[in-house]
């Protein structure tokens, strides 16, 4: 399917999803174009000018890249989370009960996340797991590497809770930062108008600044798990043991796909 055809299908689909359903006349008025011009956009007979395309994105709260590259008819818009400044939509996965699943970004595909994090098809193919004590938020697991944040080392996955805006970032807390250069798991020590200052818990590493323009996603530390074998302590009660054993089984099943 061509980009123009995909765009036409998407804007027609988005219009028809509105309640009450928008007419071509109404959306044309909103976009300040004629109905005839708009009709050509929906039938792939004409490409909307850039200013009109941006107006469409703002109206539906959908980023340009999704509008031009993803068939939105295949995905539920309510299963996506808005990122700040209408940059993009964050696809998420849910189970049969509608609860968020925790997607796990594997070591071998971590760099692919930088190009696929906004692609519902990429997210759909990630392995998932559930942690019963995590709720009221969107969570995702990222691989930890290096020795800058003890005790978390290679083989550990950091589970982060998605942070929507910089104002929700808490100084002193640890976060997974997804930047244009990759993942970094660090402690936030200062927030300015231009950058986040981060530190390592390993004192051998110096603090450094990450420009806000380089930050794509922020996930606050919510927990961790290891892809290595774990022992269940004997002193735990049966209920807690049962939960942990179930989690260990899930981790074992996933481990072969993560490393």
Foldseek 3Di string as FASTA:
>chain_A
DALQQLLLQLLVVLQCPDVVRDDLCVVCVQLVHHSVVSVCSNVSNDDDPPSSLVSSCVVSLAAPCCSRPPNCVVDDPVQWDHAPPSHHIFGFDADPVRFTWAFEQFPVCQVVCLVCRRPNVVSVPTDTDDQVVDGDFHKYWYADDDDQAPPRHGQKIFIFGWDRDPVPDDAQFWKWWQFNVGTDIFGFHDDDPFWTWTGTPPVVDDIDTDGPVGTDTITTGDDMDGLDDDDDDPPDDPVVVVSVVVVNVSSPVCSVVRD
